[in-house]
Amino acid sequence: MEKLTADAQLDASGLFCPEPVMLLHSRMRELASGQVLQVVATDPSTQRDIPKFCTFLGHELLQQSEQNQTYEYFIRKGDS
């Protein structure tokens, strides 16, 4: 898997739905279009929620992985 570089990070470890996506939404507003956010979460529902969030709001999910019940996402902010 390609090693991506993020412009910003969001650690949502230990938080449960809907908190990770609420924090993600807030954090994405702070980024410029084209910047990449790395998200780390422990809630399995983020595997469903974050891809839907990206599709709905026009962001690009660059990479999604899971290791030892920790979920990592790299998201490029779309034009908004």
PDB file of N, CA and C in Angstrom:
ATOM      1  N   MET A   1       0.838  -1.177   0.000  1.00  0.00           N
ATOM      2  CA  MET A   1       0.000   0.000   0.000  1.00  0.00           C
ATOM      3  C   MET A   1       0.885   1.243   0.000  1.00  0.00           C
ATOM      4  N   GLU A   2       0.532   2.197  -0.820  1.00  0.00           N
ATOM      5  CA  GLU A   2       1.283   3.434  -0.952  1.00  0.00           C
ATOM      6  C   GLU A   2       1.216   4.247   0.339  1.00  0.00           C
ATOM      7  N   LYS A   3       2.349   4.828   0.713  1.00  0.00           N
ATOM      8  CA  LYS A   3       2.394   5.670   1.910  1.00  0.00           C
ATOM      9  C   LYS A   3       1.986   7.085   1.527  1.00  0.00           C
ATOM     10  N   LEU A   4       0.860   7.544   2.067  1.00  0.00           N
ATOM     11  CA  LEU A   4       0.352   8.871   1.763  1.00  0.00           C
ATOM     12  C   LEU A   4       0.818   9.869   2.822  1.00  0.00           C
ATOM     13  N   THR A   5       0.913  11.116   2.422  1.00  0.00           N
ATOM     14  CA  THR A   5       1.275  12.193   3.334  1.00  0.00           C
ATOM     15  C   THR A   5       0.047  13.062   3.557  1.00  0.00           C
ATOM     16  N   ALA A   6      -0.222  13.386   4.813  1.00  0.00           N
ATOM     17  CA  ALA A   6      -1.389  14.192   5.144  1.00  0.00           C
ATOM     18  C   ALA A   6      -0.975  15.612   5.513  1.00  0.00           C
ATOM     19  N   ASP A   7      -1.846  16.553   5.190  1.00  0.00           N
ATOM     20  CA  ASP A   7      -1.647  17.947   5.575  1.00  0.00           C
ATOM     21  C   ASP A   7      -2.130  18.190   7.003  1.00  0.00           C
ATOM     22  N   ALA A   8      -3.039  17.338   7.472  1.00  0.00           N
ATOM     23  CA  ALA A   8      -3.601  17.476   8.819  1.00  0.00           C
ATOM     24  C   ALA A   8      -4.051  16.108   9.310  1.00  0.00           C
ATOM     25  N   GLN A   9      -4.226  15.980  10.618  1.00  0.00           N
ATOM     26  CA  GLN A   9      -4.649  14.718  11.220  1.00  0.00           C
ATOM     27  C   GLN A   9      -5.865  14.949  12.112  1.00  0.00           C
ATOM     28  N   LEU A  10      -6.653  13.888  12.241  1.00  0.00           N
ATOM     29  CA  LEU A  10      -7.776  13.864  13.174  1.00  0.00           C
ATOM     30  C   LEU A  10      -7.746  12.520  13.869  1.00  0.00           C
ATOM     31  N   ASP A  11      -7.602  12.537  15.190  1.00  0.00           N
ATOM     32  CA  ASP A  11      -7.620  11.309  15.983  1.00  0.00           C
ATOM     33  C   ASP A  11      -8.982  11.195  16.652  1.00  0.00           C
ATOM     34  N   ALA A  12      -9.808  10.302  16.150  1.00  0.00           N
ATOM     35  CA  ALA A  12     -11.143  10.082  16.695  1.00  0.00           C
ATOM     36  C   ALA A  12     -11.197   8.768  17.474  1.00  0.00           C
ATOM     37  N   SER A  13     -10.047   8.298  17.931  1.00  0.00           N
ATOM     38  CA  SER A  13      -9.972   7.049  18.688  1.00  0.00           C
ATOM     39  C   SER A  13     -10.803   7.155  19.963  1.00  0.00           C
ATOM     40  N   GLY A  14     -11.539   6.086  20.244  1.00  0.00           N
ATOM     41  CA  GLY A  14     -12.342   6.036  21.459  1.00  0.00           C
ATOM     42  C   GLY A  14     -13.704   6.703  21.340  1.00  0.00           C
ATOM     43  N   LEU A  15     -13.980   7.333  20.221  1.00  0.00           N
ATOM     44  CA  LEU A  15     -15.267   7.997  20.017  1.00  0.00           C
ATOM     45  C   LEU A  15     -16.187   7.098  19.205  1.00  0.00           C
ATOM     46  N   PHE A  16     -17.488   7.260  19.433  1.00  0.00           N
ATOM     47  CA  PHE A  16     -18.478   6.436  18.752  1.00  0.00           C
ATOM     48  C   PHE A  16     -19.453   7.298  17.973  1.00  0.00           C
ATOM     49  N   CYS A  17     -20.065   6.681  16.966  1.00  0.00           N
ATOM     50  CA  CYS A  17     -21.033   7.333  16.095  1.00  0.00           C
ATOM     51  C   CYS A  17     -22.032   8.137  16.927  1.00  0.00           C
ATOM     52  N   PRO A  18     -22.255   9.388  16.576  1.00  0.00           N
ATOM     53  CA  PRO A  18     -21.864  10.107  15.363  1.00  0.00           C
ATOM     54  C   PRO A  18     -20.627  10.998  15.538  1.00  0.00           C
ATOM     55  N   GLU A  19     -19.960  10.920  16.683  1.00  0.00           N
ATOM     56  CA  GLU A  19     -18.866  11.855  16.964  1.00  0.00           C
ATOM     57  C   GLU A  19     -17.734  11.863  15.935  1.00  0.00           C
ATOM     58  N   PRO A  20     -17.215  10.707  15.472  1.00  0.00           N
ATOM     59  CA  PRO A  20     -16.119  10.779  14.501  1.00  0.00           C
ATOM     60  C   PRO A  20     -16.475  11.566  13.233  1.00  0.00           C
ATOM     61  N   VAL A  21     -17.682  11.368  12.712  1.00  0.00           N
ATOM     62  CA  VAL A  21     -18.076  12.062  11.494  1.00  0.00           C
ATOM     63  C   VAL A  21     -18.346  13.538  11.779  1.00  0.00           C
ATOM     64  N   MET A  22     -18.871  13.863  12.943  1.00  0.00           N
ATOM     65  CA  MET A  22     -19.084  15.264  13.294  1.00  0.00           C
ATOM     66  C   MET A  22     -17.747  15.996  13.388  1.00  0.00           C
ATOM     67  N   LEU A  23     -16.756  15.369  14.001  1.00  0.00           N
ATOM     68  CA  LEU A  23     -15.428  15.974  14.081  1.00  0.00           C
ATOM     69  C   LEU A  23     -14.787  16.067  12.697  1.00  0.00           C
ATOM     70  N   LEU A  24     -14.977  15.043  11.883  1.00  0.00           N
ATOM     71  CA  LEU A  24     -14.449  15.038  10.526  1.00  0.00           C
ATOM     72  C   LEU A  24     -15.029  16.202   9.729  1.00  0.00           C
ATOM     73  N   HIS A  25     -16.325  16.395   9.828  1.00  0.00           N
ATOM     74  CA  HIS A  25     -16.983  17.476   9.105  1.00  0.00           C
ATOM     75  C   HIS A  25     -16.403  18.832   9.510  1.00  0.00           C
ATOM     76  N   SER A  26     -16.223  19.021  10.786  1.00  0.00           N
ATOM     77  CA  SER A  26     -15.662  20.269  11.302  1.00  0.00           C
ATOM     78  C   SER A  26     -14.222  20.466  10.839  1.00  0.00           C
ATOM     79  N   ARG A  27     -13.437  19.408  10.883  1.00  0.00           N
ATOM     80  CA  ARG A  27     -12.015  19.486  10.508  1.00  0.00           C
ATOM     81  C   ARG A  27     -11.852  19.760   9.017  1.00  0.00           C
ATOM     82  N   MET A  28     -12.703  19.166   8.189  1.00  0.00           N
ATOM     83  CA  MET A  28     -12.617  19.373   6.744  1.00  0.00           C
ATOM     84  C   MET A  28     -12.871  20.834   6.383  1.00  0.00           C
ATOM     85  N   ARG A  29     -13.720  21.502   7.123  1.00  0.00           N
ATOM     86  CA  ARG A  29     -14.002  22.921   6.861  1.00  0.00           C
ATOM     87  C   ARG A  29     -12.758  23.783   7.022  1.00  0.00           C
ATOM     88  N   GLU A  30     -11.818  23.345   7.852  1.00  0.00           N
ATOM     89  CA  GLU A  30     -10.605  24.106   8.121  1.00  0.00           C
ATOM     90  C   GLU A  30      -9.551  23.955   7.018  1.00  0.00           C
ATOM     91  N   LEU A  31      -9.714  22.949   6.171  1.00  0.00           N
ATOM     92  CA  LEU A  31      -8.723  22.665   5.127  1.00  0.00           C
ATOM     93  C   LEU A  31      -9.070  23.367   3.824  1.00  0.00           C
ATOM     94  N   ALA A  32      -8.039  23.613   3.032  1.00  0.00           N
ATOM     95  CA  ALA A  32      -8.226  24.154   1.688  1.00  0.00           C
ATOM     96  C   ALA A  32      -8.504  23.004   0.725  1.00  0.00           C
ATOM     97  N   SER A  33      -9.172  23.295  -0.371  1.00  0.00           N
ATOM     98  CA  SER A  33      -9.436  22.277  -1.399  1.00  0.00           C
ATOM     99  C   SER A  33      -8.125  21.628  -1.826  1.00  0.00           C
ATOM    100  N   GLY A  34      -8.141  20.305  -1.932  1.00  0.00           N
ATOM    101  CA  GLY A  34      -6.959  19.563  -2.353  1.00  0.00           C
ATOM    102  C   GLY A  34      -6.074  19.085  -1.218  1.00  0.00           C
ATOM    103  N   GLN A  35      -6.255  19.629  -0.021  1.00  0.00           N
ATOM    104  CA  GLN A  35      -5.447  19.162   1.103  1.00  0.00           C
ATOM    105  C   GLN A  35      -5.944  17.793   1.561  1.00  0.00           C
ATOM    106  N   VAL A  36      -5.042  17.049   2.212  1.00  0.00           N
ATOM    107  CA  VAL A  36      -5.345  15.681   2.628  1.00  0.00           C
ATOM    108  C   VAL A  36      -5.404  15.607   4.152  1.00  0.00           C
ATOM    109  N   LEU A  37      -6.446  14.950   4.646  1.00  0.00           N
ATOM    110  CA  LEU A  37      -6.643  14.732   6.075  1.00  0.00           C
ATOM    111  C   LEU A  37      -6.488  13.244   6.374  1.00  0.00           C
ATOM    112  N   GLN A  38      -5.711  12.935   7.395  1.00  0.00           N
ATOM    113  CA  GLN A  38      -5.584  11.557   7.886  1.00  0.00           C
ATOM    114  C   GLN A  38      -6.490  11.431   9.100  1.00  0.00           C
ATOM    115  N   VAL A  39      -7.354  10.427   9.082  1.00  0.00           N
ATOM    116  CA  VAL A  39      -8.268  10.176  10.194  1.00  0.00           C
ATOM    117  C   VAL A  39      -7.946   8.813  10.779  1.00  0.00           C
ATOM    118  N   VAL A  40      -7.845   8.756  12.115  1.00  0.00           N
ATOM    119  CA  VAL A  40      -7.670   7.500  12.826  1.00  0.00           C
ATOM    120  C   VAL A  40      -8.876   7.343  13.742  1.00  0.00           C
ATOM    121  N   ALA A  41      -9.517   6.172  13.687  1.00  0.00           N
ATOM    122  CA  ALA A  41     -10.718   5.925  14.476  1.00  0.00           C
ATOM    123  C   ALA A  41     -10.726   4.477  14.959  1.00  0.00           C
ATOM    124  N   THR A  42     -11.507   4.232  16.008  1.00  0.00           N
ATOM    125  CA  THR A  42     -11.657   2.874  16.524  1.00  0.00           C
ATOM    126  C   THR A  42     -13.095   2.364  16.401  1.00  0.00           C
ATOM    127  N   ASP A  43     -13.998   3.203  15.973  1.00  0.00           N
ATOM    128  CA  ASP A  43     -15.395   2.812  15.815  1.00  0.00           C
ATOM    129  C   ASP A  43     -15.578   2.113  14.466  1.00  0.00           C
ATOM    130  N   PRO A  44     -15.989   0.832  14.465  1.00  0.00           N
ATOM    131  CA  PRO A  44     -16.164   0.105  13.203  1.00  0.00           C
ATOM    132  C   PRO A  44     -17.172   0.754  12.261  1.00  0.00           C
ATOM    133  N   SER A  45     -18.118   1.506  12.784  1.00  0.00           N
ATOM    134  CA  SER A  45     -19.122   2.133  11.913  1.00  0.00           C
ATOM    135  C   SER A  45     -18.513   3.192  10.994  1.00  0.00           C
ATOM    136  N   THR A  46     -17.286   3.642  11.291  1.00  0.00           N
ATOM    137  CA  THR A  46     -16.633   4.603  10.396  1.00  0.00           C
ATOM    138  C   THR A  46     -16.337   3.978   9.036  1.00  0.00           C
ATOM    139  N   GLN A  47     -16.239   2.654   8.976  1.00  0.00           N
ATOM    140  CA  GLN A  47     -16.008   1.968   7.690  1.00  0.00           C
ATOM    141  C   GLN A  47     -17.154   2.211   6.721  1.00  0.00           C
ATOM    142  N   ARG A  48     -18.330   2.440   7.240  1.00  0.00           N
ATOM    143  CA  ARG A  48     -19.507   2.735   6.435  1.00  0.00           C
ATOM    144  C   ARG A  48     -19.712   4.246   6.339  1.00  0.00           C
ATOM    145  N   ASP A  49     -19.579   4.938   7.474  1.00  0.00           N
ATOM    146  CA  ASP A  49     -19.932   6.354   7.553  1.00  0.00           C
ATOM    147  C   ASP A  49     -18.971   7.277   6.800  1.00  0.00           C
ATOM    148  N   ILE A  50     -17.673   7.028   6.891  1.00  0.00           N
ATOM    149  CA  ILE A  50     -16.709   7.935   6.263  1.00  0.00           C
ATOM    150  C   ILE A  50     -16.771   7.868   4.734  1.00  0.00           C
ATOM    151  N   PRO A  51     -16.840   6.674   4.115  1.00  0.00           N
ATOM    152  CA  PRO A  51     -17.012   6.661   2.654  1.00  0.00           C
ATOM    153  C   PRO A  51     -18.288   7.373   2.205  1.00  0.00           C
ATOM    154  N   LYS A  52     -19.393   7.196   2.933  1.00  0.00           N
ATOM    155  CA  LYS A  52     -20.645   7.875   2.585  1.00  0.00           C
ATOM    156  C   LYS A  52     -20.505   9.381   2.749  1.00  0.00           C
ATOM    157  N   PHE A  53     -19.828   9.806   3.807  1.00  0.00           N
ATOM    158  CA  PHE A  53     -19.567  11.223   4.049  1.00  0.00           C
ATOM    159  C   PHE A  53     -18.819  11.826   2.851  1.00  0.00           C
ATOM    160  N   CYS A  54     -17.771  11.122   2.407  1.00  0.00           N
ATOM    161  CA  CYS A  54     -16.957  11.608   1.287  1.00  0.00           C
ATOM    162  C   CYS A  54     -17.781  11.716   0.007  1.00  0.00           C
ATOM    163  N   THR A  55     -18.555  10.696  -0.291  1.00  0.00           N
ATOM    164  CA  THR A  55     -19.388  10.693  -1.492  1.00  0.00           C
ATOM    165  C   THR A  55     -20.404  11.822  -1.449  1.00  0.00           C
ATOM    166  N   PHE A  56     -21.066  11.972  -0.327  1.00  0.00           N
ATOM    167  CA  PHE A  56     -22.125  12.971  -0.183  1.00  0.00           C
ATOM    168  C   PHE A  56     -21.589  14.397  -0.308  1.00  0.00           C
ATOM    169  N   LEU A  57     -20.390  14.655   0.239  1.00  0.00           N
ATOM    170  CA  LEU A  57     -19.858  16.020   0.264  1.00  0.00           C
ATOM    171  C   LEU A  57     -18.791  16.288  -0.798  1.00  0.00           C
ATOM    172  N   GLY A  58     -18.508  15.308  -1.653  1.00  0.00           N
ATOM    173  CA  GLY A  58     -17.601  15.535  -2.766  1.00  0.00           C
ATOM    174  C   GLY A  58     -16.120  15.495  -2.416  1.00  0.00           C
ATOM    175  N   HIS A  59     -15.772  14.777  -1.340  1.00  0.00           N
ATOM    176  CA  HIS A  59     -14.372  14.587  -0.989  1.00  0.00           C
ATOM    177  C   HIS A  59     -13.907  13.247  -1.566  1.00  0.00           C
ATOM    178  N   GLU A  60     -12.591  13.086  -1.714  1.00  0.00           N
ATOM    179  CA  GLU A  60     -12.044  11.863  -2.295  1.00  0.00           C
ATOM    180  C   GLU A  60     -11.406  11.000  -1.213  1.00  0.00           C
ATOM    181  N   LEU A  61     -11.930   9.803  -1.030  1.00  0.00           N
ATOM    182  CA  LEU A  61     -11.337   8.848  -0.093  1.00  0.00           C
ATOM    183  C   LEU A  61     -10.168   8.183  -0.807  1.00  0.00           C
ATOM    184  N   LEU A  62      -8.963   8.587  -0.446  1.00  0.00           N
ATOM    185  CA  LEU A  62      -7.761   8.108  -1.127  1.00  0.00           C
ATOM    186  C   LEU A  62      -7.352   6.720  -0.671  1.00  0.00           C
ATOM    187  N   GLN A  63      -7.533   6.469   0.623  1.00  0.00           N
ATOM    188  CA  GLN A  63      -7.084   5.186   1.180  1.00  0.00           C
ATOM    189  C   GLN A  63      -7.862   4.896   2.454  1.00  0.00           C
ATOM    190  N   GLN A  64      -8.162   3.629   2.653  1.00  0.00           N
ATOM    191  CA  GLN A  64      -8.882   3.171   3.838  1.00  0.00           C
ATOM    192  C   GLN A  64      -8.234   1.864   4.266  1.00  0.00           C
ATOM    193  N   SER A  65      -7.868   1.760   5.540  1.00  0.00           N
ATOM    194  CA  SER A  65      -7.252   0.519   6.012  1.00  0.00           C
ATOM    195  C   SER A  65      -7.668   0.234   7.448  1.00  0.00           C
ATOM    196  N   GLU A  66      -7.481  -1.019   7.855  1.00  0.00           N
ATOM    197  CA  GLU A  66      -7.822  -1.449   9.209  1.00  0.00           C
ATOM    198  C   GLU A  66      -6.715  -2.349   9.708  1.00  0.00           C
ATOM    199  N   GLN A  67      -6.295  -2.095  10.936  1.00  0.00           N
ATOM    200  CA  GLN A  67      -5.288  -2.944  11.564  1.00  0.00           C
ATOM    201  C   GLN A  67      -5.538  -2.948  13.068  1.00  0.00           C
ATOM    202  N   ASN A  68      -5.712  -4.139  13.621  1.00  0.00           N
ATOM    203  CA  ASN A  68      -5.929  -4.300  15.063  1.00  0.00           C
ATOM    204  C   ASN A  68      -7.077  -3.434  15.575  1.00  0.00           C
ATOM    205  N   GLN A  69      -8.181  -3.438  14.859  1.00  0.00           N
ATOM    206  CA  GLN A  69      -9.395  -2.693  15.213  1.00  0.00           C
ATOM    207  C   GLN A  69      -9.177  -1.184  15.273  1.00  0.00           C
ATOM    208  N   THR A  70      -8.190  -0.710  14.527  1.00  0.00           N
ATOM    209  CA  THR A  70      -7.976   0.724  14.333  1.00  0.00           C
ATOM    210  C   THR A  70      -8.124   0.998  12.845  1.00  0.00           C
ATOM    211  N   TYR A  71      -8.908   2.001  12.523  1.00  0.00           N
ATOM    212  CA  TYR A  71      -9.248   2.315  11.140  1.00  0.00           C
ATOM    213  C   TYR A  71      -8.566   3.620  10.754  1.00  0.00           C
ATOM    214  N   GLU A  72      -7.937   3.614   9.581  1.00  0.00           N
ATOM    215  CA  GLU A  72      -7.220   4.793   9.109  1.00  0.00           C
ATOM    216  C   GLU A  72      -7.746   5.173   7.733  1.00  0.00           C
ATOM    217  N   TYR A  73      -7.952   6.472   7.550  1.00  0.00           N
ATOM    218  CA  TYR A  73      -8.491   7.003   6.299  1.00  0.00           C
ATOM    219  C   TYR A  73      -7.646   8.191   5.861  1.00  0.00           C
ATOM    220  N   PHE A  74      -7.443   8.324   4.559  1.00  0.00           N
ATOM    221  CA  PHE A  74      -6.821   9.491   3.974  1.00  0.00           C
ATOM    222  C   PHE A  74      -7.857  10.085   3.030  1.00  0.00           C
ATOM    223  N   ILE A  75      -8.224  11.341   3.263  1.00  0.00           N
ATOM    224  CA  ILE A  75      -9.296  11.987   2.529  1.00  0.00           C
ATOM    225  C   ILE A  75      -8.780  13.297   1.925  1.00  0.00           C
ATOM    226  N   ARG A  76      -8.967  13.453   0.619  1.00  0.00           N
ATOM    227  CA  ARG A  76      -8.620  14.716  -0.039  1.00  0.00           C
ATOM    228  C   ARG A  76      -9.864  15.579  -0.116  1.00  0.00           C
ATOM    229  N   LYS A  77      -9.736  16.809   0.376  1.00  0.00           N
ATOM    230  CA  LYS A  77     -10.881  17.715   0.367  1.00  0.00           C
ATOM    231  C   LYS A  77     -11.228  18.117  -1.059  1.00  0.00           C
ATOM    232  N   GLY A  78     -12.496  18.028  -1.354  1.00  0.00           N
ATOM    233  CA  GLY A  78     -12.981  18.434  -2.668  1.00  0.00           C
ATOM    234  C   GLY A  78     -13.208  19.936  -2.736  1.00  0.00           C
ATOM    235  N   ASP A  79     -13.676  20.403  -3.865  1.00  0.00           N
ATOM    236  CA  ASP A  79     -13.987  21.820  -4.037  1.00  0.00           C
ATOM    237  C   ASP A  79     -15.289  22.119  -3.321  1.00  0.00           C
ATOM    238  N   SER A  80     -15.186  22.932  -2.271  1.00  0.00           N
ATOM    239  CA  SER A  80     -16.410  23.325  -1.556  1.00  0.00           C
ATOM    240  C   SER A  80     -16.189  24.603  -0.794  1.00  0.00           C
TER     241      SER A  80
END
